[in-house]
Amino acid sequence: MNRLVLSARLVQRSALRYTPAGLPALDLSLAHESMVSEDDQPRKVSMEMRAVAIGAVTQVLGKLAMGQGGTFAGFITTSRNGRGLLFHINSVEPDALTT
């Protein structure tokens, strides 16, 4: 099974574009930081991941504020040029904004 659920925050979003099939698409970058346990030892994990959203989920992602967090779910594939991985987001649950 290829499924990723990631707690992250939005750090970059490109302008809305459309696929050749006419579907809305957004290119994004997500950042994640947390503490995990590895072999019973605490470890700080921090990373940034490229992502894309296609279809209806772009409406929710287009409304997220820069830096806003959420729980993003989808699948991983190789990028079009074959270099690196790309997270395809198909659902998101935004965190509530705090002021």
PDB file of N, CA and C in Angstrom:
ATOM      1  N   MET A   1       0.842  -1.174   0.000  1.00  0.00           N
ATOM      2  CA  MET A   1       0.000   0.000   0.000  1.00  0.00           C
ATOM      3  C   MET A   1       0.888   1.238   0.000  1.00  0.00           C
ATOM      4  N   ASN A   2       0.539   2.211  -0.785  1.00  0.00           N
ATOM      5  CA  ASN A   2       1.271   3.465  -0.884  1.00  0.00           C
ATOM      6  C   ASN A   2       0.366   4.567  -0.352  1.00  0.00           C
ATOM      7  N   ARG A   3       0.507   4.882   0.930  1.00  0.00           N
ATOM      8  CA  ARG A   3      -0.299   5.927   1.571  1.00  0.00           C
ATOM      9  C   ARG A   3       0.560   6.665   2.578  1.00  0.00           C
ATOM     10  N   LEU A   4       0.538   7.989   2.508  1.00  0.00           N
ATOM     11  CA  LEU A   4       1.284   8.813   3.441  1.00  0.00           C
ATOM     12  C   LEU A   4       0.322   9.774   4.119  1.00  0.00           C
ATOM     13  N   VAL A   5       0.407   9.862   5.441  1.00  0.00           N
ATOM     14  CA  VAL A   5      -0.319  10.862   6.217  1.00  0.00           C
ATOM     15  C   VAL A   5       0.746  11.649   6.958  1.00  0.00           C
ATOM     16  N   LEU A   6       0.782  12.948   6.729  1.00  0.00           N
ATOM     17  CA  LEU A   6       1.860  13.780   7.249  1.00  0.00           C
ATOM     18  C   LEU A   6       1.299  15.024   7.920  1.00  0.00           C
ATOM     19  N   SER A   7       1.742  15.267   9.136  1.00  0.00           N
ATOM     20  CA  SER A   7       1.447  16.522   9.824  1.00  0.00           C
ATOM     21  C   SER A   7       2.541  17.501   9.402  1.00  0.00           C
ATOM     22  N   ALA A   8       2.145  18.603   8.787  1.00  0.00           N
ATOM     23  CA  ALA A   8       3.134  19.532   8.238  1.00  0.00           C
ATOM     24  C   ALA A   8       2.526  20.925   8.155  1.00  0.00           C
ATOM     25  N   ARG A   9       3.365  21.866   7.726  1.00  0.00           N
ATOM     26  CA  ARG A   9       2.872  23.220   7.487  1.00  0.00           C
ATOM     27  C   ARG A   9       3.246  23.648   6.076  1.00  0.00           C
ATOM     28  N   LEU A  10       2.408  24.484   5.511  1.00  0.00           N
ATOM     29  CA  LEU A  10       2.602  24.972   4.151  1.00  0.00           C
ATOM     30  C   LEU A  10       3.700  26.031   4.138  1.00  0.00           C
ATOM     31  N   VAL A  11       4.746  25.816   3.335  1.00  0.00           N
ATOM     32  CA  VAL A  11       5.836  26.793   3.262  1.00  0.00           C
ATOM     33  C   VAL A  11       5.986  27.427   1.879  1.00  0.00           C
ATOM     34  N   GLN A  12       5.361  26.835   0.864  1.00  0.00           N
ATOM     35  CA  GLN A  12       5.418  27.424  -0.472  1.00  0.00           C
ATOM     36  C   GLN A  12       4.238  26.910  -1.281  1.00  0.00           C
ATOM     37  N   ARG A  13       3.667  27.812  -2.107  1.00  0.00           N
ATOM     38  CA  ARG A  13       2.555  27.416  -2.976  1.00  0.00           C
ATOM     39  C   ARG A  13       2.686  28.186  -4.270  1.00  0.00           C
ATOM     40  N   SER A  14       2.648  27.493  -5.387  1.00  0.00           N
ATOM     41  CA  SER A  14       2.712  28.165  -6.689  1.00  0.00           C
ATOM     42  C   SER A  14       1.315  28.645  -7.079  1.00  0.00           C
ATOM     43  N   ALA A  15       1.250  29.369  -8.166  1.00  0.00           N
ATOM     44  CA  ALA A  15      -0.039  29.822  -8.690  1.00  0.00           C
ATOM     45  C   ALA A  15      -0.833  28.619  -9.202  1.00  0.00           C
ATOM     46  N   LEU A  16      -2.134  28.712  -9.109  1.00  0.00           N
ATOM     47  CA  LEU A  16      -3.010  27.659  -9.621  1.00  0.00           C
ATOM     48  C   LEU A  16      -2.764  27.480 -11.114  1.00  0.00           C
ATOM     49  N   ARG A  17      -2.627  26.236 -11.521  1.00  0.00           N
ATOM     50  CA  ARG A  17      -2.465  25.920 -12.940  1.00  0.00           C
ATOM     51  C   ARG A  17      -3.484  24.834 -13.289  1.00  0.00           C
ATOM     52  N   TYR A  18      -3.525  24.459 -14.558  1.00  0.00           N
ATOM     53  CA  TYR A  18      -4.462  23.428 -14.994  1.00  0.00           C
ATOM     54  C   TYR A  18      -3.716  22.343 -15.754  1.00  0.00           C
ATOM     55  N   THR A  19      -4.089  21.102 -15.515  1.00  0.00           N
ATOM     56  CA  THR A  19      -3.488  19.964 -16.215  1.00  0.00           C
ATOM     57  C   THR A  19      -3.999  19.949 -17.657  1.00  0.00           C
ATOM     58  N   PRO A  20      -3.368  19.168 -18.538  1.00  0.00           N
ATOM     59  CA  PRO A  20      -3.884  19.061 -19.907  1.00  0.00           C
ATOM     60  C   PRO A  20      -5.343  18.574 -19.958  1.00  0.00           C
ATOM     61  N   ALA A  21      -5.779  17.841 -18.917  1.00  0.00           N
ATOM     62  CA  ALA A  21      -7.162  17.369 -18.851  1.00  0.00           C
ATOM     63  C   ALA A  21      -8.108  18.431 -18.299  1.00  0.00           C
ATOM     64  N   GLY A  22      -7.554  19.613 -17.951  1.00  0.00           N
ATOM     65  CA  GLY A  22      -8.383  20.709 -17.467  1.00  0.00           C
ATOM     66  C   GLY A  22      -8.633  20.714 -15.967  1.00  0.00           C
ATOM     67  N   LEU A  23      -7.915  19.875 -15.209  1.00  0.00           N
ATOM     68  CA  LEU A  23      -8.088  19.834 -13.755  1.00  0.00           C
ATOM     69  C   LEU A  23      -7.205  20.872 -13.083  1.00  0.00           C
ATOM     70  N   PRO A  24      -7.702  21.532 -12.027  1.00  0.00           N
ATOM     71  CA  PRO A  24      -6.860  22.485 -11.299  1.00  0.00           C
ATOM     72  C   PRO A  24      -5.736  21.757 -10.581  1.00  0.00           C
ATOM     73  N   ALA A  25      -4.560  22.381 -10.514  1.00  0.00           N
ATOM     74  CA  ALA A  25      -3.398  21.760  -9.864  1.00  0.00           C
ATOM     75  C   ALA A  25      -2.595  22.836  -9.129  1.00  0.00           C
ATOM     76  N   LEU A  26      -2.057  22.439  -7.973  1.00  0.00           N
ATOM     77  CA  LEU A  26      -1.185  23.312  -7.182  1.00  0.00           C
ATOM     78  C   LEU A  26       0.102  22.580  -6.855  1.00  0.00           C
ATOM     79  N   ASP A  27       1.230  23.255  -7.040  1.00  0.00           N
ATOM     80  CA  ASP A  27       2.524  22.733  -6.609  1.00  0.00           C
ATOM     81  C   ASP A  27       2.844  23.387  -5.268  1.00  0.00           C
ATOM     82  N   LEU A  28       3.264  22.565  -4.294  1.00  0.00           N
ATOM     83  CA  LEU A  28       3.465  23.025  -2.925  1.00  0.00           C
ATOM     84  C   LEU A  28       4.764  22.512  -2.354  1.00  0.00           C
ATOM     85  N   SER A  29       5.183  23.143  -1.262  1.00  0.00           N
ATOM     86  CA  SER A  29       6.241  22.603  -0.414  1.00  0.00           C
ATOM     87  C   SER A  29       5.694  22.573   1.002  1.00  0.00           C
ATOM     88  N   LEU A  30       5.911  21.445   1.674  1.00  0.00           N
ATOM     89  CA  LEU A  30       5.473  21.249   3.049  1.00  0.00           C
ATOM     90  C   LEU A  30       6.684  21.034   3.939  1.00  0.00           C
ATOM     91  N   ALA A  31       6.624  21.551   5.158  1.00  0.00           N
ATOM     92  CA  ALA A  31       7.709  21.355   6.122  1.00  0.00           C
ATOM     93  C   ALA A  31       7.158  20.595   7.325  1.00  0.00           C
ATOM     94  N   HIS A  32       7.965  19.673   7.833  1.00  0.00           N
ATOM     95  CA  HIS A  32       7.582  18.858   8.991  1.00  0.00           C
ATOM     96  C   HIS A  32       8.717  18.864  10.007  1.00  0.00           C
ATOM     97  N   GLU A  33       8.357  19.007  11.281  1.00  0.00           N
ATOM     98  CA  GLU A  33       9.316  18.891  12.379  1.00  0.00           C
ATOM     99  C   GLU A  33       8.645  18.142  13.509  1.00  0.00           C
ATOM    100  N   SER A  34       9.367  17.189  14.100  1.00  0.00           N
ATOM    101  CA  SER A  34       8.822  16.451  15.240  1.00  0.00           C
ATOM    102  C   SER A  34       9.946  15.731  15.965  1.00  0.00           C
ATOM    103  N   MET A  35       9.586  15.168  17.104  1.00  0.00           N
ATOM    104  CA  MET A  35      10.474  14.283  17.856  1.00  0.00           C
ATOM    105  C   MET A  35       9.915  12.880  17.712  1.00  0.00           C
ATOM    106  N   VAL A  36      10.772  11.942  17.361  1.00  0.00           N
ATOM    107  CA  VAL A  36      10.368  10.547  17.225  1.00  0.00           C
ATOM    108  C   VAL A  36      11.310   9.684  18.061  1.00  0.00           C
ATOM    109  N   SER A  37      10.950   8.451  18.222  1.00  0.00           N
ATOM    110  CA  SER A  37      11.801   7.515  18.944  1.00  0.00           C
ATOM    111  C   SER A  37      12.381   6.521  17.951  1.00  0.00           C
ATOM    112  N   GLU A  38      13.691   6.374  17.987  1.00  0.00           N
ATOM    113  CA  GLU A  38      14.369   5.406  17.127  1.00  0.00           C
ATOM    114  C   GLU A  38      15.273   4.567  18.012  1.00  0.00           C
ATOM    115  N   ASP A  39      14.997   3.269  18.099  1.00  0.00           N
ATOM    116  CA  ASP A  39      15.741   2.357  18.971  1.00  0.00           C
ATOM    117  C   ASP A  39      15.739   2.879  20.411  1.00  0.00           C
ATOM    118  N   ASP A  40      14.545   3.317  20.835  1.00  0.00           N
ATOM    119  CA  ASP A  40      14.327   3.840  22.186  1.00  0.00           C
ATOM    120  C   ASP A  40      15.126   5.103  22.501  1.00  0.00           C
ATOM    121  N   GLN A  41      15.572   5.807  21.483  1.00  0.00           N
ATOM    122  CA  GLN A  41      16.300   7.065  21.659  1.00  0.00           C
ATOM    123  C   GLN A  41      15.518   8.184  20.967  1.00  0.00           C
ATOM    124  N   PRO A  42      15.385   9.350  21.621  1.00  0.00           N
ATOM    125  CA  PRO A  42      14.684  10.464  20.976  1.00  0.00           C
ATOM    126  C   PRO A  42      15.503  11.012  19.804  1.00  0.00           C
ATOM    127  N   ARG A  43      14.794  11.372  18.771  1.00  0.00           N
ATOM    128  CA  ARG A  43      15.457  11.925  17.586  1.00  0.00           C
ATOM    129  C   ARG A  43      14.599  13.034  17.012  1.00  0.00           C
ATOM    130  N   LYS A  44      15.216  14.180  16.743  1.00  0.00           N
ATOM    131  CA  LYS A  44      14.506  15.284  16.105  1.00  0.00           C
ATOM    132  C   LYS A  44      14.507  15.052  14.601  1.00  0.00           C
ATOM    133  N   VAL A  45      13.321  15.129  14.012  1.00  0.00           N
ATOM    134  CA  VAL A  45      13.157  14.928  12.573  1.00  0.00           C
ATOM    135  C   VAL A  45      12.674  16.237  11.977  1.00  0.00           C
ATOM    136  N   SER A  46      13.304  16.648  10.891  1.00  0.00           N
ATOM    137  CA  SER A  46      12.920  17.869  10.219  1.00  0.00           C
ATOM    138  C   SER A  46      13.155  17.681   8.730  1.00  0.00           C
ATOM    139  N   MET A  47      12.170  18.042   7.922  1.00  0.00           N
ATOM    140  CA  MET A  47      12.321  17.879   6.476  1.00  0.00           C
ATOM    141  C   MET A  47      11.347  18.767   5.735  1.00  0.00           C
ATOM    142  N   GLU A  48      11.660  18.992   4.472  1.00  0.00           N
ATOM    143  CA  GLU A  48      10.772  19.708   3.574  1.00  0.00           C
ATOM    144  C   GLU A  48      10.495  18.791   2.391  1.00  0.00           C
ATOM    145  N   MET A  49       9.244  18.756   1.947  1.00  0.00           N
ATOM    146  CA  MET A  49       8.846  17.830   0.890  1.00  0.00           C
ATOM    147  C   MET A  49       8.060  18.572  -0.185  1.00  0.00           C
ATOM    148  N   ARG A  50       8.395  18.270  -1.428  1.00  0.00           N
ATOM    149  CA  ARG A  50       7.617  18.798  -2.556  1.00  0.00           C
ATOM    150  C   ARG A  50       6.321  18.014  -2.652  1.00  0.00           C
ATOM    151  N   ALA A  51       5.248  18.713  -3.037  1.00  0.00           N
ATOM    152  CA  ALA A  51       3.946  18.071  -3.140  1.00  0.00           C
ATOM    153  C   ALA A  51       3.155  18.683  -4.281  1.00  0.00           C
ATOM    154  N   VAL A  52       2.137  17.956  -4.714  1.00  0.00           N
ATOM    155  CA  VAL A  52       1.218  18.449  -5.726  1.00  0.00           C
ATOM    156  C   VAL A  52      -0.189  18.028  -5.321  1.00  0.00           C
ATOM    157  N   ALA A  53      -1.142  18.869  -5.652  1.00  0.00           N
ATOM    158  CA  ALA A  53      -2.551  18.560  -5.428  1.00  0.00           C
ATOM    159  C   ALA A  53      -3.281  18.794  -6.740  1.00  0.00           C
ATOM    160  N   ILE A  54      -4.161  17.871  -7.087  1.00  0.00           N
ATOM    161  CA  ILE A  54      -4.906  17.961  -8.344  1.00  0.00           C
ATOM    162  C   ILE A  54      -6.380  17.741  -8.044  1.00  0.00           C
ATOM    163  N   GLY A  55      -7.224  18.592  -8.615  1.00  0.00           N
ATOM    164  CA  GLY A  55      -8.662  18.417  -8.454  1.00  0.00           C
ATOM    165  C   GLY A  55      -9.242  19.257  -7.332  1.00  0.00           C
ATOM    166  N   ALA A  56     -10.319  18.767  -6.739  1.00  0.00           N
ATOM    167  CA  ALA A  56     -11.096  19.514  -5.750  1.00  0.00           C
ATOM    168  C   ALA A  56     -10.289  19.919  -4.516  1.00  0.00           C
ATOM    169  N   VAL A  57      -9.306  19.123  -4.113  1.00  0.00           N
ATOM    170  CA  VAL A  57      -8.517  19.440  -2.914  1.00  0.00           C
ATOM    171  C   VAL A  57      -7.756  20.763  -3.074  1.00  0.00           C
ATOM    172  N   THR A  58      -7.560  21.228  -4.297  1.00  0.00           N
ATOM    173  CA  THR A  58      -6.874  22.503  -4.504  1.00  0.00           C
ATOM    174  C   THR A  58      -7.649  23.669  -3.912  1.00  0.00           C
ATOM    175  N   GLN A  59      -8.975  23.545  -3.801  1.00  0.00           N
ATOM    176  CA  GLN A  59      -9.782  24.627  -3.218  1.00  0.00           C
ATOM    177  C   GLN A  59      -9.420  24.832  -1.754  1.00  0.00           C
ATOM    178  N   VAL A  60      -9.264  23.748  -1.003  1.00  0.00           N
ATOM    179  CA  VAL A  60      -8.892  23.843   0.408  1.00  0.00           C
ATOM    180  C   VAL A  60      -7.462  24.348   0.534  1.00  0.00           C
ATOM    181  N   LEU A  61      -6.559  23.792  -0.260  1.00  0.00           N
ATOM    182  CA  LEU A  61      -5.153  24.174  -0.180  1.00  0.00           C
ATOM    183  C   LEU A  61      -4.929  25.617  -0.618  1.00  0.00           C
ATOM    184  N   GLY A  62      -5.723  26.109  -1.529  1.00  0.00           N
ATOM    185  CA  GLY A  62      -5.611  27.492  -1.972  1.00  0.00           C
ATOM    186  C   GLY A  62      -5.986  28.494  -0.890  1.00  0.00           C
ATOM    187  N   LYS A  63      -6.745  28.050   0.110  1.00  0.00           N
ATOM    188  CA  LYS A  63      -7.175  28.924   1.210  1.00  0.00           C
ATOM    189  C   LYS A  63      -6.255  28.860   2.422  1.00  0.00           C
ATOM    190  N   LEU A  64      -5.327  27.901   2.452  1.00  0.00           N
ATOM    191  CA  LEU A  64      -4.406  27.804   3.583  1.00  0.00           C
ATOM    192  C   LEU A  64      -3.471  29.006   3.601  1.00  0.00           C
ATOM    193  N   ALA A  65      -3.218  29.523   4.792  1.00  0.00           N
ATOM    194  CA  ALA A  65      -2.253  30.608   4.944  1.00  0.00           C
ATOM    195  C   ALA A  65      -0.841  30.038   4.938  1.00  0.00           C
ATOM    196  N   MET A  66       0.117  30.813   4.451  1.00  0.00           N
ATOM    197  CA  MET A  66       1.513  30.375   4.518  1.00  0.00           C
ATOM    198  C   MET A  66       1.872  30.138   5.982  1.00  0.00           C
ATOM    199  N   GLY A  67       2.495  29.005   6.236  1.00  0.00           N
ATOM    200  CA  GLY A  67       2.875  28.654   7.601  1.00  0.00           C
ATOM    201  C   GLY A  67       1.804  27.887   8.358  1.00  0.00           C
ATOM    202  N   GLN A  68       0.587  27.846   7.807  1.00  0.00           N
ATOM    203  CA  GLN A  68      -0.492  27.118   8.479  1.00  0.00           C
ATOM    204  C   GLN A  68      -0.247  25.622   8.383  1.00  0.00           C
ATOM    205  N   GLY A  69      -0.543  24.929   9.453  1.00  0.00           N
ATOM    206  CA  GLY A  69      -0.357  23.486   9.502  1.00  0.00           C
ATOM    207  C   GLY A  69      -1.614  22.732   9.163  1.00  0.00           C
ATOM    208  N   GLY A  70      -1.432  21.448   9.026  1.00  0.00           N
ATOM    209  CA  GLY A  70      -2.556  20.572   8.750  1.00  0.00           C
ATOM    210  C   GLY A  70      -2.098  19.136   8.674  1.00  0.00           C
ATOM    211  N   THR A  71      -3.052  18.252   8.469  1.00  0.00           N
ATOM    212  CA  THR A  71      -2.759  16.842   8.239  1.00  0.00           C
ATOM    213  C   THR A  71      -3.048  16.564   6.775  1.00  0.00           C
ATOM    214  N   PHE A  72      -2.011  16.202   6.049  1.00  0.00           N
ATOM    215  CA  PHE A  72      -2.082  15.982   4.610  1.00  0.00           C
ATOM    216  C   PHE A  72      -2.017  14.487   4.332  1.00  0.00           C
ATOM    217  N   ALA A  73      -2.870  13.989   3.459  1.00  0.00           N
ATOM    218  CA  ALA A  73      -2.878  12.557   3.132  1.00  0.00           C
ATOM    219  C   ALA A  73      -2.833  12.383   1.620  1.00  0.00           C
ATOM    220  N   GLY A  74      -2.178  11.307   1.198  1.00  0.00           N
ATOM    221  CA  GLY A  74      -2.077  11.018  -0.225  1.00  0.00           C
ATOM    222  C   GLY A  74      -1.116   9.878  -0.477  1.00  0.00           C
ATOM    223  N   PHE A  75      -0.384   9.962  -1.575  1.00  0.00           N
ATOM    224  CA  PHE A  75       0.546   8.897  -1.956  1.00  0.00           C
ATOM    225  C   PHE A  75       1.834   9.500  -2.499  1.00  0.00           C
ATOM    226  N   ILE A  76       2.874   8.677  -2.556  1.00  0.00           N
ATOM    227  CA  ILE A  76       4.196   9.097  -3.031  1.00  0.00           C
ATOM    228  C   ILE A  76       4.466   8.473  -4.398  1.00  0.00           C
ATOM    229  N   THR A  77       5.073   9.271  -5.270  1.00  0.00           N
ATOM    230  CA  THR A  77       5.521   8.774  -6.568  1.00  0.00           C
ATOM    231  C   THR A  77       6.817   9.493  -6.935  1.00  0.00           C
ATOM    232  N   THR A  78       7.470   9.058  -7.989  1.00  0.00           N
ATOM    233  CA  THR A  78       8.658   9.782  -8.443  1.00  0.00           C
ATOM    234  C   THR A  78       8.202  11.035  -9.183  1.00  0.00           C
ATOM    235  N   SER A  79       9.047  12.041  -9.167  1.00  0.00           N
ATOM    236  CA  SER A  79       8.711  13.269  -9.888  1.00  0.00           C
ATOM    237  C   SER A  79       8.806  13.014 -11.386  1.00  0.00           C
ATOM    238  N   ARG A  80       8.290  13.926 -12.163  1.00  0.00           N
ATOM    239  CA  ARG A  80       8.237  13.739 -13.620  1.00  0.00           C
ATOM    240  C   ARG A  80       9.612  13.526 -14.239  1.00  0.00           C
ATOM    241  N   ASN A  81      10.621  14.200 -13.692  1.00  0.00           N
ATOM    242  CA  ASN A  81      11.965  14.063 -14.252  1.00  0.00           C
ATOM    243  C   ASN A  81      12.704  12.864 -13.661  1.00  0.00           C
ATOM    244  N   GLY A  82      12.045  12.113 -12.783  1.00  0.00           N
ATOM    245  CA  GLY A  82      12.659  10.918 -12.209  1.00  0.00           C
ATOM    246  C   GLY A  82      13.626  11.191 -11.076  1.00  0.00           C
ATOM    247  N   ARG A  83      13.761  12.453 -10.678  1.00  0.00           N
ATOM    248  CA  ARG A  83      14.678  12.821  -9.600  1.00  0.00           C
ATOM    249  C   ARG A  83      13.890  13.141  -8.339  1.00  0.00           C
ATOM    250  N   GLY A  84      13.990  12.309  -7.360  1.00  0.00           N
ATOM    251  CA  GLY A  84      13.323  12.554  -6.094  1.00  0.00           C
ATOM    252  C   GLY A  84      11.894  12.055  -6.068  1.00  0.00           C
ATOM    253  N   LEU A  85      11.270  12.291  -4.923  1.00  0.00           N
ATOM    254  CA  LEU A  85       9.905  11.848  -4.697  1.00  0.00           C
ATOM    255  C   LEU A  85       8.958  13.036  -4.686  1.00  0.00           C
ATOM    256  N   LEU A  86       7.701  12.764  -4.982  1.00  0.00           N
ATOM    257  CA  LEU A  86       6.665  13.782  -5.003  1.00  0.00           C
ATOM    258  C   LEU A  86       5.456  13.255  -4.251  1.00  0.00           C
ATOM    259  N   PHE A  87       4.975  14.029  -3.295  1.00  0.00           N
ATOM    260  CA  PHE A  87       3.806  13.692  -2.491  1.00  0.00           C
ATOM    261  C   PHE A  87       2.564  14.206  -3.207  1.00  0.00           C
ATOM    262  N   HIS A  88       1.684  13.318  -3.631  1.00  0.00           N
ATOM    263  CA  HIS A  88       0.416  13.687  -4.256  1.00  0.00           C
ATOM    264  C   HIS A  88      -0.640  13.760  -3.161  1.00  0.00           C
ATOM    265  N   ILE A  89      -1.104  14.958  -2.855  1.00  0.00           N
ATOM    266  CA  ILE A  89      -2.079  15.167  -1.782  1.00  0.00           C
ATOM    267  C   ILE A  89      -3.486  14.969  -2.332  1.00  0.00           C
ATOM    268  N   ASN A  90      -4.267  14.101  -1.667  1.00  0.00           N
ATOM    269  CA  ASN A  90      -5.658  13.965  -2.088  1.00  0.00           C
ATOM    270  C   ASN A  90      -6.654  14.317  -0.992  1.00  0.00           C
ATOM    271  N   SER A  91      -6.153  14.643   0.225  1.00  0.00           N
ATOM    272  CA  SER A  91      -7.029  15.192   1.257  1.00  0.00           C
ATOM    273  C   SER A  91      -6.203  15.978   2.247  1.00  0.00           C
ATOM    274  N   VAL A  92      -6.845  16.950   2.885  1.00  0.00           N
ATOM    275  CA  VAL A  92      -6.161  17.781   3.889  1.00  0.00           C
ATOM    276  C   VAL A  92      -7.161  18.190   4.955  1.00  0.00           C
ATOM    277  N   GLU A  93      -6.701  18.171   6.190  1.00  0.00           N
ATOM    278  CA  GLU A  93      -7.468  18.693   7.320  1.00  0.00           C
ATOM    279  C   GLU A  93      -6.655  19.832   7.921  1.00  0.00           C
ATOM    280  N   PRO A  94      -6.996  21.073   7.604  1.00  0.00           N
ATOM    281  CA  PRO A  94      -6.218  22.209   8.114  1.00  0.00           C
ATOM    282  C   PRO A  94      -6.336  22.335   9.623  1.00  0.00           C
ATOM    283  N   ASP A  95      -5.225  22.744  10.268  1.00  0.00           N
ATOM    284  CA  ASP A  95      -5.256  23.106  11.672  1.00  0.00           C
ATOM    285  C   ASP A  95      -5.989  24.433  11.795  1.00  0.00           C
ATOM    286  N   ALA A  96      -6.604  24.652  12.931  1.00  0.00           N
ATOM    287  CA  ALA A  96      -7.267  25.929  13.176  1.00  0.00           C
ATOM    288  C   ALA A  96      -6.214  27.025  13.279  1.00  0.00           C
ATOM    289  N   LEU A  97      -6.503  28.165  12.727  1.00  0.00           N
ATOM    290  CA  LEU A  97      -5.593  29.309  12.837  1.00  0.00           C
ATOM    291  C   LEU A  97      -5.715  29.893  14.240  1.00  0.00           C
ATOM    292  N   THR A  98      -4.566  30.222  14.828  1.00  0.00           N
ATOM    293  CA  THR A  98      -4.568  30.876  16.132  1.00  0.00           C
ATOM    294  C   THR A  98      -4.049  32.290  15.962  1.00  0.00           C
ATOM    295  N   THR A  99      -4.636  33.218  16.670  1.00  0.00           N
ATOM    296  CA  THR A  99      -4.185  34.606  16.555  1.00  0.00           C
ATOM    297  C   THR A  99      -3.740  35.138  17.887  1.00  0.00           C
TER     298      THR A  99
END
